Amino acid sequence: MVLGKDLYEFRKIPYARPPVGNLRFEKPQPYGSWESILDARMFGPSCFQDKDLLRKSLLNKNISEDCLFLNIYVPFSVSTDNNKSVLVWIHGGSYASGQGSLNDGAMLAVTGDVIIITINYRLNIFGFLSLDGFPGNYGLWDQIMAIQWVKDNIPSFGGNSKSITISGESAGGFSVGLLSIAPLNKGLFQRAILQSGTALSSYAVGKVTKSASFQAAAYVNCTDNQAYVLAQCLKEAPASALYSAFRLIQSGTYLQFAFAPVVDGALLLDDPLNLMTNSSSVDDHDHDYDYDHERERVTCVMVMI
């Protein structure tokens, strides 16, 4: 109960298979269905990061590579005749830290009469390493799969799959901006709210991620010139060693995120500024965003805090 109002909460819902073993540094794979009853009472672990950064208020202070879960907050008034609009929240944290469970969606759900989704996605080196054979952007692909899961399944929770807003703060705002100009997201969501970050920020896309990835591979003794051998080495390296490599490289990077999204030719086709000024690939109509036909523009909301 929040503000005297009841609501439903569903926690630790898996939206993708655990990105471990051969699925490390790969696009997320759909989780599929489960046969037994899913215990949705406790939050899942946070994606791999510094434990010291996890706030004391978190109900689950564990970290794991097996972290691709989402949480759903549903107003009690939901019904088959009263489906709700949906807001998917993408947390910030410099693409290096954070977790969906840190942002309690209960109050906004009951005051806004909207379904709130909070998500985890892969971070730091696990989410954004980029080498030959490893195109990167795994954290962004995770976000897309989480939104796709919401679109496919939210009607079962009383949500309107044709009224989805994505929102985020800081690196979450960068992510929302990047997802909004990615052509493959056509029809996936209808609105976007960016807080303290846009796709045009100097931090939105990694400028040193390629070189940082080579350094990290060398740090964990993965230096073979054969792509397959290198890939297996990186997938078998201890998670703690990879994170140590990230920490060491990030500490030597001045005013940049060592591991961040990159132009990969699949998700991000070009530099965001070029996409937004010179390409028809981000035409408003092609994305099925809510469109103001009278003013011939998409209404975007950006909040600086």
C-alpha atoms as a PDB file:
ATOM      1  CA  MET A   1       0.000   0.000   0.000  1.00  0.00           C
ATOM      2  CA  VAL A   2       1.270   3.478  -0.951  1.00  0.00           C
ATOM      3  CA  LEU A   3      -0.444   6.763  -0.030  1.00  0.00           C
ATOM      4  CA  GLY A   4      -3.357   4.737   1.229  1.00  0.00           C
ATOM      5  CA  LYS A   5      -3.767   2.951  -2.093  1.00  0.00           C
ATOM      6  CA  ASP A   6      -3.195  -0.705  -2.865  1.00  0.00           C
ATOM      7  CA  LEU A   7      -1.169  -1.892  -5.831  1.00  0.00           C
ATOM      8  CA  TYR A   8       0.300  -5.046  -7.259  1.00  0.00           C
ATOM      9  CA  GLU A   9       4.074  -5.580  -7.413  1.00  0.00           C
ATOM     10  CA  PHE A  10       5.788  -8.285  -9.433  1.00  0.00           C
ATOM     11  CA  ARG A  11       9.543  -8.565  -8.903  1.00  0.00           C
ATOM     12  CA  LYS A  12      12.436 -10.467 -10.461  1.00  0.00           C
ATOM     13  CA  ILE A  13      10.709 -11.361 -13.708  1.00  0.00           C
ATOM     14  CA  PRO A  14      13.291 -12.790 -16.150  1.00  0.00           C
ATOM     15  CA  TYR A  15      13.057 -11.225 -19.600  1.00  0.00           C
ATOM     16  CA  ALA A  16      16.164 -12.887 -21.101  1.00  0.00           C
ATOM     17  CA  ARG A  17      18.294 -15.952 -20.542  1.00  0.00           C
ATOM     18  CA  PRO A  18      21.234 -15.503 -18.158  1.00  0.00           C
ATOM     19  CA  PRO A  19      24.062 -13.887 -20.190  1.00  0.00           C
ATOM     20  CA  VAL A  20      26.730 -16.235 -18.861  1.00  0.00           C
ATOM     21  CA  GLY A  21      29.072 -18.792 -20.408  1.00  0.00           C
ATOM     22  CA  ASN A  22      28.684 -18.754 -24.176  1.00  0.00           C
ATOM     23  CA  LEU A  23      26.029 -16.019 -23.877  1.00  0.00           C
ATOM     24  CA  ARG A  24      28.482 -13.562 -22.300  1.00  0.00           C
ATOM     25  CA  PHE A  25      29.197 -10.690 -24.728  1.00  0.00           C
ATOM     26  CA  GLU A  26      26.309 -11.780 -26.947  1.00  0.00           C
ATOM     27  CA  LYS A  27      22.942 -10.222 -27.692  1.00  0.00           C
ATOM     28  CA  PRO A  28      20.345 -11.273 -25.112  1.00  0.00           C
ATOM     29  CA  GLN A  29      18.281 -14.354 -25.856  1.00  0.00           C
ATOM     30  CA  PRO A  30      14.556 -14.538 -24.991  1.00  0.00           C
ATOM     31  CA  TYR A  31      13.928 -16.281 -21.712  1.00  0.00           C
ATOM     32  CA  GLY A  32      10.839 -18.066 -22.923  1.00  0.00           C
ATOM     33  CA  SER A  33       8.142 -19.437 -20.640  1.00  0.00           C
ATOM     34  CA  TRP A  34       8.410 -21.251 -17.327  1.00  0.00           C
ATOM     35  CA  GLU A  35       6.340 -24.202 -16.184  1.00  0.00           C
ATOM     36  CA  SER A  36       6.341 -23.783 -12.410  1.00  0.00           C
ATOM     37  CA  ILE A  37       5.040 -20.849 -10.364  1.00  0.00           C
ATOM     38  CA  LEU A  38       7.423 -17.896 -10.442  1.00  0.00           C
ATOM     39  CA  ASP A  39       8.204 -16.400  -7.027  1.00  0.00           C
ATOM     40  CA  ALA A  40       7.914 -12.669  -7.705  1.00  0.00           C
ATOM     41  CA  ARG A  41       8.224 -11.411  -4.120  1.00  0.00           C
ATOM     42  CA  MET A  42      11.926 -10.441  -3.977  1.00  0.00           C
ATOM     43  CA  PHE A  43      14.104  -8.323  -6.255  1.00  0.00           C
ATOM     44  CA  GLY A  44      16.730 -10.079  -8.329  1.00  0.00           C
ATOM     45  CA  PRO A  45      20.470  -9.403  -8.099  1.00  0.00           C
ATOM     46  CA  SER A  46      22.009  -6.313  -9.636  1.00  0.00           C
ATOM     47  CA  CYS A  47      24.181  -6.665 -12.716  1.00  0.00           C
ATOM     48  CA  PHE A  48      27.902  -7.035 -12.046  1.00  0.00           C
ATOM     49  CA  GLN A  49      29.331  -3.874 -10.490  1.00  0.00           C
ATOM     50  CA  ASP A  50      31.086  -2.523  -7.404  1.00  0.00           C
ATOM     51  CA  LYS A  51      29.297  -3.827  -4.302  1.00  0.00           C
ATOM     52  CA  ASP A  52      30.316  -0.708  -2.374  1.00  0.00           C
ATOM     53  CA  LEU A  53      28.166   1.395  -4.692  1.00  0.00           C
ATOM     54  CA  LEU A  54      25.023  -0.533  -3.852  1.00  0.00           C
ATOM     55  CA  ARG A  55      22.893   1.528  -1.523  1.00  0.00           C
ATOM     56  CA  LYS A  56      21.997   0.156   1.893  1.00  0.00           C
ATOM     57  CA  SER A  57      18.298   0.516   1.136  1.00  0.00           C
ATOM     58  CA  LEU A  58      18.336  -2.173  -1.552  1.00  0.00           C
ATOM     59  CA  LEU A  59      16.403  -5.289  -0.600  1.00  0.00           C
ATOM     60  CA  ASN A  60      18.811  -7.478  -2.569  1.00  0.00           C
ATOM     61  CA  LYS A  61      22.455  -6.446  -2.373  1.00  0.00           C
ATOM     62  CA  ASN A  62      23.731  -9.352  -4.492  1.00  0.00           C
ATOM     63  CA  ILE A  63      25.499  -8.840  -7.803  1.00  0.00           C
ATOM     64  CA  SER A  64      25.618 -11.374 -10.610  1.00  0.00           C
ATOM     65  CA  GLU A  65      26.034 -11.752 -14.342  1.00  0.00           C
ATOM     66  CA  ASP A  66      22.646 -13.502 -14.173  1.00  0.00           C
ATOM     67  CA  CYS A  67      20.765 -10.241 -13.713  1.00  0.00           C
ATOM     68  CA  LEU A  68      18.369  -9.661 -16.602  1.00  0.00           C
ATOM     69  CA  PHE A  69      15.194  -9.131 -14.608  1.00  0.00           C
ATOM     70  CA  LEU A  70      12.458  -6.522 -14.538  1.00  0.00           C
ATOM     71  CA  ASN A  71       9.933  -5.369 -11.932  1.00  0.00           C
ATOM     72  CA  ILE A  72       6.316  -4.337 -12.500  1.00  0.00           C
ATOM     73  CA  TYR A  73       4.164  -1.961 -10.419  1.00  0.00           C
ATOM     74  CA  VAL A  74       0.456  -2.083 -11.281  1.00  0.00           C
ATOM     75  CA  PRO A  75      -2.315   0.189  -9.895  1.00  0.00           C
ATOM     76  CA  PHE A  76      -4.984  -1.762  -8.032  1.00  0.00           C
ATOM     77  CA  SER A  77      -7.691  -0.268 -10.252  1.00  0.00           C
ATOM     78  CA  VAL A  78      -6.483  -2.177 -13.295  1.00  0.00           C
ATOM     79  CA  SER A  79      -9.019  -4.400 -15.074  1.00  0.00           C
ATOM     80  CA  THR A  80      -9.782  -5.860 -18.475  1.00  0.00           C
ATOM     81  CA  ASP A  81     -11.934  -2.792 -19.131  1.00  0.00           C
ATOM     82  CA  ASN A  82      -9.413  -0.326 -17.700  1.00  0.00           C
ATOM     83  CA  ASN A  83      -5.995  -1.038 -19.137  1.00  0.00           C
ATOM     84  CA  LYS A  84      -3.212   1.347 -18.243  1.00  0.00           C
ATOM     85  CA  SER A  85      -0.499   3.195 -20.088  1.00  0.00           C
ATOM     86  CA  VAL A  86       3.009   1.943 -19.351  1.00  0.00           C
ATOM     87  CA  LEU A  87       6.282   3.643 -18.418  1.00  0.00           C
ATOM     88  CA  VAL A  88       9.569   1.721 -18.663  1.00  0.00           C
ATOM     89  CA  TRP A  89      12.296   3.259 -16.493  1.00  0.00           C
ATOM     90  CA  ILE A  90      15.973   2.873 -17.512  1.00  0.00           C
ATOM     91  CA  HIS A  91      18.291   3.645 -14.614  1.00  0.00           C
ATOM     92  CA  GLY A  92      21.420   5.776 -14.807  1.00  0.00           C
ATOM     93  CA  GLY A  93      24.898   5.190 -13.426  1.00  0.00           C
ATOM     94  CA  SER A  94      27.447   6.094 -16.123  1.00  0.00           C
ATOM     95  CA  TYR A  95      26.694   2.807 -17.927  1.00  0.00           C
ATOM     96  CA  ALA A  96      28.734   1.267 -15.109  1.00  0.00           C
ATOM     97  CA  SER A  97      26.468   0.878 -12.091  1.00  0.00           C
ATOM     98  CA  GLY A  98      22.835   0.996 -10.985  1.00  0.00           C
ATOM     99  CA  GLN A  99      19.851  -1.313 -10.787  1.00  0.00           C
ATOM    100  CA  GLY A 100      16.144  -1.277 -11.477  1.00  0.00           C
ATOM    101  CA  SER A 101      15.239  -2.080  -7.867  1.00  0.00           C
ATOM    102  CA  LEU A 102      16.768   1.205  -6.690  1.00  0.00           C
ATOM    103  CA  ASN A 103      13.860   3.109  -8.251  1.00  0.00           C
ATOM    104  CA  ASP A 104      10.615   2.278  -6.456  1.00  0.00           C
ATOM    105  CA  GLY A 105       7.840   2.690  -9.006  1.00  0.00           C
ATOM    106  CA  ALA A 106       4.999   2.271  -6.516  1.00  0.00           C
ATOM    107  CA  MET A 107       4.262   5.943  -5.800  1.00  0.00           C
ATOM    108  CA  LEU A 108       4.262   6.974  -9.451  1.00  0.00           C
ATOM    109  CA  ALA A 109       2.078   4.001 -10.314  1.00  0.00           C
ATOM    110  CA  VAL A 110      -0.658   4.985  -7.860  1.00  0.00           C
ATOM    111  CA  THR A 111      -0.460   8.760  -8.351  1.00  0.00           C
ATOM    112  CA  GLY A 112      -0.150   8.618 -12.126  1.00  0.00           C
ATOM    113  CA  ASP A 113      -2.496   5.664 -12.596  1.00  0.00           C
ATOM    114  CA  VAL A 114       0.109   4.064 -14.842  1.00  0.00           C
ATOM    115  CA  ILE A 115       2.008   0.766 -14.886  1.00  0.00           C
ATOM    116  CA  ILE A 116       5.699   1.262 -14.051  1.00  0.00           C
ATOM    117  CA  ILE A 117       8.454  -1.100 -15.188  1.00  0.00           C
ATOM    118  CA  THR A 118      12.015  -0.947 -13.853  1.00  0.00           C
ATOM    119  CA  ILE A 119      14.734  -3.010 -15.517  1.00  0.00           C
ATOM    120  CA  ASN A 120      18.273  -4.277 -15.093  1.00  0.00           C
ATOM    121  CA  TYR A 121      20.674  -4.292 -18.042  1.00  0.00           C
ATOM    122  CA  ARG A 122      24.310  -5.306 -18.404  1.00  0.00           C
ATOM    123  CA  LEU A 123      26.804  -2.662 -17.318  1.00  0.00           C
ATOM    124  CA  ASN A 124      30.443  -1.593 -17.692  1.00  0.00           C
ATOM    125  CA  ILE A 125      32.657  -4.135 -19.458  1.00  0.00           C
ATOM    126  CA  PHE A 126      29.911  -6.796 -19.466  1.00  0.00           C
ATOM    127  CA  GLY A 127      27.493  -4.514 -21.259  1.00  0.00           C
ATOM    128  CA  PHE A 128      29.759  -2.584 -23.602  1.00  0.00           C
ATOM    129  CA  LEU A 129      33.027  -4.379 -24.432  1.00  0.00           C
ATOM    130  CA  SER A 130      33.627  -3.942 -28.167  1.00  0.00           C
ATOM    131  CA  LEU A 131      36.237  -5.827 -30.204  1.00  0.00           C
ATOM    132  CA  ASP A 132      36.411  -7.612 -33.554  1.00  0.00           C
ATOM    133  CA  GLY A 133      33.770 -10.289 -33.211  1.00  0.00           C
ATOM    134  CA  PHE A 134      32.210  -8.477 -30.261  1.00  0.00           C
ATOM    135  CA  PRO A 135      30.311  -5.507 -31.701  1.00  0.00           C
ATOM    136  CA  GLY A 136      29.268  -4.221 -28.268  1.00  0.00           C
ATOM    137  CA  ASN A 137      26.097  -2.450 -27.109  1.00  0.00           C
ATOM    138  CA  TYR A 138      24.911  -5.496 -25.155  1.00  0.00           C
ATOM    139  CA  GLY A 139      23.448  -3.246 -22.471  1.00  0.00           C
ATOM    140  CA  LEU A 140      21.358  -1.448 -25.089  1.00  0.00           C
ATOM    141  CA  TRP A 141      20.242  -4.731 -26.625  1.00  0.00           C
ATOM    142  CA  ASP A 142      19.164  -5.800 -23.129  1.00  0.00           C
ATOM    143  CA  GLN A 143      17.047  -2.661 -22.828  1.00  0.00           C
ATOM    144  CA  ILE A 144      15.414  -3.374 -26.178  1.00  0.00           C
ATOM    145  CA  MET A 145      14.608  -6.952 -25.210  1.00  0.00           C
ATOM    146  CA  ALA A 146      13.124  -5.779 -21.908  1.00  0.00           C
ATOM    147  CA  ILE A 147      10.895  -3.282 -23.745  1.00  0.00           C
ATOM    148  CA  GLN A 148       9.913  -5.986 -26.236  1.00  0.00           C
ATOM    149  CA  TRP A 149       9.002  -8.286 -23.334  1.00  0.00           C
ATOM    150  CA  VAL A 150       6.822  -5.521 -21.927  1.00  0.00           C
ATOM    151  CA  LYS A 151       5.133  -4.940 -25.281  1.00  0.00           C
ATOM    152  CA  ASP A 152       4.436  -8.650 -25.692  1.00  0.00           C
ATOM    153  CA  ASN A 153       3.304  -9.400 -22.151  1.00  0.00           C
ATOM    154  CA  ILE A 154       1.982  -6.250 -20.473  1.00  0.00           C
ATOM    155  CA  PRO A 155      -1.638  -6.882 -21.589  1.00  0.00           C
ATOM    156  CA  SER A 156      -1.620  -9.806 -19.140  1.00  0.00           C
ATOM    157  CA  PHE A 157      -0.951  -7.286 -16.360  1.00  0.00           C
ATOM    158  CA  GLY A 158      -3.644  -4.884 -17.527  1.00  0.00           C
ATOM    159  CA  GLY A 159      -1.346  -2.669 -19.588  1.00  0.00           C
ATOM    160  CA  ASN A 160      -1.801  -1.073 -22.996  1.00  0.00           C
ATOM    161  CA  SER A 161       0.925  -2.361 -25.316  1.00  0.00           C
ATOM    162  CA  LYS A 162       0.200   0.528 -27.710  1.00  0.00           C
ATOM    163  CA  SER A 163       0.873   3.173 -25.061  1.00  0.00           C
ATOM    164  CA  ILE A 164       4.452   2.643 -23.868  1.00  0.00           C
ATOM    165  CA  THR A 165       6.749   5.447 -22.756  1.00  0.00           C
ATOM    166  CA  ILE A 166      10.450   4.875 -22.100  1.00  0.00           C
ATOM    167  CA  SER A 167      12.226   7.156 -19.669  1.00  0.00           C
ATOM    168  CA  GLY A 168      15.606   7.371 -17.994  1.00  0.00           C
ATOM    169  CA  GLU A 169      18.025   9.599 -16.133  1.00  0.00           C
ATOM    170  CA  SER A 170      21.711  10.342 -16.875  1.00  0.00           C
ATOM    171  CA  ALA A 171      23.027   7.230 -18.663  1.00  0.00           C
ATOM    172  CA  GLY A 172      19.406   6.118 -18.727  1.00  0.00           C
ATOM    173  CA  GLY A 173      18.598   9.381 -20.519  1.00  0.00           C
ATOM    174  CA  PHE A 174      21.451   8.760 -22.959  1.00  0.00           C
ATOM    175  CA  SER A 175      20.029   5.284 -23.558  1.00  0.00           C
ATOM    176  CA  VAL A 176      16.501   6.577 -24.173  1.00  0.00           C
ATOM    177  CA  GLY A 177      17.880   9.087 -26.674  1.00  0.00           C
ATOM    178  CA  LEU A 178      19.875   6.418 -28.511  1.00  0.00           C
ATOM    179  CA  LEU A 179      16.969   3.973 -28.595  1.00  0.00           C
ATOM    180  CA  SER A 180      14.748   6.735 -29.981  1.00  0.00           C
ATOM    181  CA  ILE A 181      16.942   7.183 -33.080  1.00  0.00           C
ATOM    182  CA  ALA A 182      17.573   3.487 -33.735  1.00  0.00           C
ATOM    183  CA  PRO A 183      15.489   2.453 -36.781  1.00  0.00           C
ATOM    184  CA  LEU A 184      15.015  -1.136 -35.602  1.00  0.00           C
ATOM    185  CA  ASN A 185      12.879   0.087 -32.703  1.00  0.00           C
ATOM    186  CA  LYS A 186       9.973   0.958 -34.996  1.00  0.00           C
ATOM    187  CA  GLY A 187       6.699   0.442 -33.160  1.00  0.00           C
ATOM    188  CA  LEU A 188       8.341  -0.673 -29.916  1.00  0.00           C
ATOM    189  CA  PHE A 189       7.321   2.406 -27.907  1.00  0.00           C
ATOM    190  CA  GLN A 190       5.373   5.599 -28.530  1.00  0.00           C
ATOM    191  CA  ARG A 191       6.928   8.282 -26.291  1.00  0.00           C
ATOM    192  CA  ALA A 192      10.224   9.127 -24.626  1.00  0.00           C
ATOM    193  CA  ILE A 193      11.167  11.200 -21.574  1.00  0.00           C
ATOM    194  CA  LEU A 194      14.851  12.058 -21.199  1.00  0.00           C
ATOM    195  CA  GLN A 195      16.194  13.294 -17.867  1.00  0.00           C
ATOM    196  CA  SER A 196      19.683  14.819 -17.550  1.00  0.00           C
ATOM    197  CA  GLY A 197      20.955  13.209 -20.731  1.00  0.00           C
ATOM    198  CA  THR A 198      20.364  13.020 -24.485  1.00  0.00           C
ATOM    199  CA  ALA A 199      21.797  11.123 -27.436  1.00  0.00           C
ATOM    200  CA  LEU A 200      23.828  14.231 -28.290  1.00  0.00           C
ATOM    201  CA  SER A 201      25.666  14.305 -24.972  1.00  0.00           C
ATOM    202  CA  SER A 202      29.431  13.945 -25.212  1.00  0.00           C
ATOM    203  CA  TYR A 203      29.081  10.934 -22.897  1.00  0.00           C
ATOM    204  CA  ALA A 204      26.268   9.145 -24.730  1.00  0.00           C
ATOM    205  CA  VAL A 205      28.570   7.252 -27.117  1.00  0.00           C
ATOM    206  CA  GLY A 206      31.960   5.884 -26.096  1.00  0.00           C
ATOM    207  CA  LYS A 207      34.978   7.551 -27.655  1.00  0.00           C
ATOM    208  CA  VAL A 208      37.588   5.225 -26.144  1.00  0.00           C
ATOM    209  CA  THR A 209      35.612   1.982 -25.848  1.00  0.00           C
ATOM    210  CA  LYS A 210      37.469   0.205 -28.659  1.00  0.00           C
ATOM    211  CA  SER A 211      40.920   0.900 -27.189  1.00  0.00           C
ATOM    212  CA  ALA A 212      39.683   0.221 -23.654  1.00  0.00           C
ATOM    213  CA  SER A 213      38.372  -3.168 -24.790  1.00  0.00           C
ATOM    214  CA  PHE A 214      41.761  -4.147 -26.204  1.00  0.00           C
ATOM    215  CA  GLN A 215      43.395  -3.154 -22.923  1.00  0.00           C
ATOM    216  CA  ALA A 216      40.877  -5.170 -20.951  1.00  0.00           C
ATOM    217  CA  ALA A 217      41.411  -8.265 -23.090  1.00  0.00           C
ATOM    218  CA  ALA A 218      45.149  -8.003 -22.541  1.00  0.00           C
ATOM    219  CA  TYR A 219      44.628  -7.567 -18.791  1.00  0.00           C
ATOM    220  CA  VAL A 220      42.862 -10.949 -18.577  1.00  0.00           C
ATOM    221  CA  ASN A 221      45.459 -12.555 -20.903  1.00  0.00           C
ATOM    222  CA  CYS A 222      43.154 -12.855 -23.908  1.00  0.00           C
ATOM    223  CA  THR A 223      45.411 -11.790 -26.779  1.00  0.00           C
ATOM    224  CA  ASP A 224      45.121 -14.473 -29.445  1.00  0.00           C
ATOM    225  CA  ASN A 225      44.769 -13.102 -32.992  1.00  0.00           C
ATOM    226  CA  GLN A 226      42.218 -15.751 -33.918  1.00  0.00           C
ATOM    227  CA  ALA A 227      38.761 -14.331 -33.292  1.00  0.00           C
ATOM    228  CA  TYR A 228      37.280 -17.638 -32.086  1.00  0.00           C
ATOM    229  CA  VAL A 229      40.078 -18.284 -29.616  1.00  0.00           C
ATOM    230  CA  LEU A 230      39.883 -14.718 -28.328  1.00  0.00           C
ATOM    231  CA  ALA A 231      36.123 -15.018 -27.918  1.00  0.00           C
ATOM    232  CA  GLN A 232      36.350 -18.230 -25.923  1.00  0.00           C
ATOM    233  CA  CYS A 233      39.055 -16.749 -23.727  1.00  0.00           C
ATOM    234  CA  LEU A 234      36.932 -13.714 -22.871  1.00  0.00           C
ATOM    235  CA  LYS A 235      33.855 -15.848 -22.239  1.00  0.00           C
ATOM    236  CA  GLU A 236      35.784 -18.089 -19.867  1.00  0.00           C
ATOM    237  CA  ALA A 237      37.607 -15.340 -17.965  1.00  0.00           C
ATOM    238  CA  PRO A 238      36.516 -14.888 -14.337  1.00  0.00           C
ATOM    239  CA  ALA A 239      33.935 -12.132 -13.952  1.00  0.00           C
ATOM    240  CA  SER A 240      35.962 -10.618 -11.116  1.00  0.00           C
ATOM    241  CA  ALA A 241      39.040 -10.345 -13.366  1.00  0.00           C
ATOM    242  CA  LEU A 242      37.050  -8.638 -16.117  1.00  0.00           C
ATOM    243  CA  TYR A 243      35.599  -6.191 -13.625  1.00  0.00           C
ATOM    244  CA  SER A 244      39.077  -5.485 -12.232  1.00  0.00           C
ATOM    245  CA  ALA A 245      40.187  -4.683 -15.769  1.00  0.00           C
ATOM    246  CA  PHE A 246      37.278  -2.280 -16.118  1.00  0.00           C
ATOM    247  CA  ARG A 247      38.106  -0.535 -12.838  1.00  0.00           C
ATOM    248  CA  LEU A 248      41.775  -0.157 -13.752  1.00  0.00           C
ATOM    249  CA  ILE A 249      41.079   1.186 -17.237  1.00  0.00           C
ATOM    250  CA  GLN A 250      38.291   3.515 -16.118  1.00  0.00           C
ATOM    251  CA  SER A 251      40.535   5.055 -13.469  1.00  0.00           C
ATOM    252  CA  GLY A 252      42.992   6.041 -16.197  1.00  0.00           C
ATOM    253  CA  THR A 253      40.354   7.501 -18.518  1.00  0.00           C
ATOM    254  CA  TYR A 254      39.939  11.268 -18.309  1.00  0.00           C
ATOM    255  CA  LEU A 255      36.400  12.657 -18.587  1.00  0.00           C
ATOM    256  CA  GLN A 256      35.165   9.673 -20.598  1.00  0.00           C
ATOM    257  CA  PHE A 257      33.330   6.430 -19.948  1.00  0.00           C
ATOM    258  CA  ALA A 258      35.739   3.631 -20.816  1.00  0.00           C
ATOM    259  CA  PHE A 259      32.862   1.306 -21.747  1.00  0.00           C
ATOM    260  CA  ALA A 260      29.802   2.811 -23.411  1.00  0.00           C
ATOM    261  CA  PRO A 261      27.654   2.390 -26.543  1.00  0.00           C
ATOM    262  CA  VAL A 262      29.407   2.461 -29.917  1.00  0.00           C
ATOM    263  CA  VAL A 263      28.370   2.877 -33.538  1.00  0.00           C
ATOM    264  CA  ASP A 264      28.056  -0.781 -34.523  1.00  0.00           C
ATOM    265  CA  GLY A 265      26.229  -0.593 -37.860  1.00  0.00           C
ATOM    266  CA  ALA A 266      23.360  -2.699 -36.536  1.00  0.00           C
ATOM    267  CA  LEU A 267      21.764  -0.875 -33.628  1.00  0.00           C
ATOM    268  CA  LEU A 268      23.500   2.505 -33.981  1.00  0.00           C
ATOM    269  CA  LEU A 269      24.041   3.144 -37.670  1.00  0.00           C
ATOM    270  CA  ASP A 270      26.011   6.381 -37.331  1.00  0.00           C
ATOM    271  CA  ASP A 271      27.041   9.063 -34.884  1.00  0.00           C
ATOM    272  CA  PRO A 272      23.866  10.388 -33.181  1.00  0.00           C
ATOM    273  CA  LEU A 273      24.395  13.918 -34.494  1.00  0.00           C
ATOM    274  CA  ASN A 274      24.619  12.632 -38.060  1.00  0.00           C
ATOM    275  CA  LEU A 275      21.539  10.478 -37.589  1.00  0.00           C
ATOM    276  CA  MET A 276      19.518  13.370 -36.239  1.00  0.00           C
ATOM    277  CA  THR A 277      20.570  15.906 -38.864  1.00  0.00           C
ATOM    278  CA  ASN A 278      21.327  14.049 -42.087  1.00  0.00           C
ATOM    279  CA  SER A 279      19.408  10.782 -42.155  1.00  0.00           C
ATOM    280  CA  SER A 280      15.842   9.865 -43.020  1.00  0.00           C
ATOM    281  CA  SER A 281      16.227   6.768 -40.845  1.00  0.00           C
ATOM    282  CA  VAL A 282      14.908   8.674 -37.861  1.00  0.00           C
ATOM    283  CA  ASP A 283      11.914  10.124 -39.675  1.00  0.00           C
ATOM    284  CA  ASP A 284       9.164  10.699 -37.135  1.00  0.00           C
ATOM    285  CA  HIS A 285       6.530   8.697 -38.959  1.00  0.00           C
ATOM    286  CA  ASP A 286       8.759   5.664 -39.458  1.00  0.00           C
ATOM    287  CA  HIS A 287       9.028   5.121 -35.708  1.00  0.00           C
ATOM    288  CA  ASP A 288       5.294   5.224 -34.950  1.00  0.00           C
ATOM    289  CA  TYR A 289       5.882   7.748 -32.189  1.00  0.00           C
ATOM    290  CA  ASP A 290       2.946   9.859 -31.047  1.00  0.00           C
ATOM    291  CA  TYR A 291       2.800  12.611 -33.635  1.00  0.00           C
ATOM    292  CA  ASP A 292       1.273  16.100 -33.517  1.00  0.00           C
ATOM    293  CA  HIS A 293      -0.194  16.285 -37.023  1.00  0.00           C
ATOM    294  CA  GLU A 294      -1.325  19.896 -36.592  1.00  0.00           C
ATOM    295  CA  ARG A 295       2.170  21.107 -35.723  1.00  0.00           C
ATOM    296  CA  GLU A 296       3.915  18.367 -37.716  1.00  0.00           C
ATOM    297  CA  ARG A 297       6.277  17.346 -34.954  1.00  0.00           C
ATOM    298  CA  VAL A 298       6.896  14.749 -32.290  1.00  0.00           C
ATOM    299  CA  THR A 299       6.523  16.016 -28.738  1.00  0.00           C
ATOM    300  CA  CYS A 300       9.669  15.199 -26.769  1.00  0.00           C
ATOM    301  CA  VAL A 301      10.171  15.843 -23.073  1.00  0.00           C
ATOM    302  CA  MET A 302      13.608  16.541 -21.620  1.00  0.00           C
ATOM    303  CA  VAL A 303      14.136  17.340 -17.955  1.00  0.00           C
ATOM    304  CA  MET A 304      17.443  18.663 -16.626  1.00  0.00           C
ATOM    305  CA  ILE A 305      17.954  17.995 -12.923  1.00  0.00           C
END
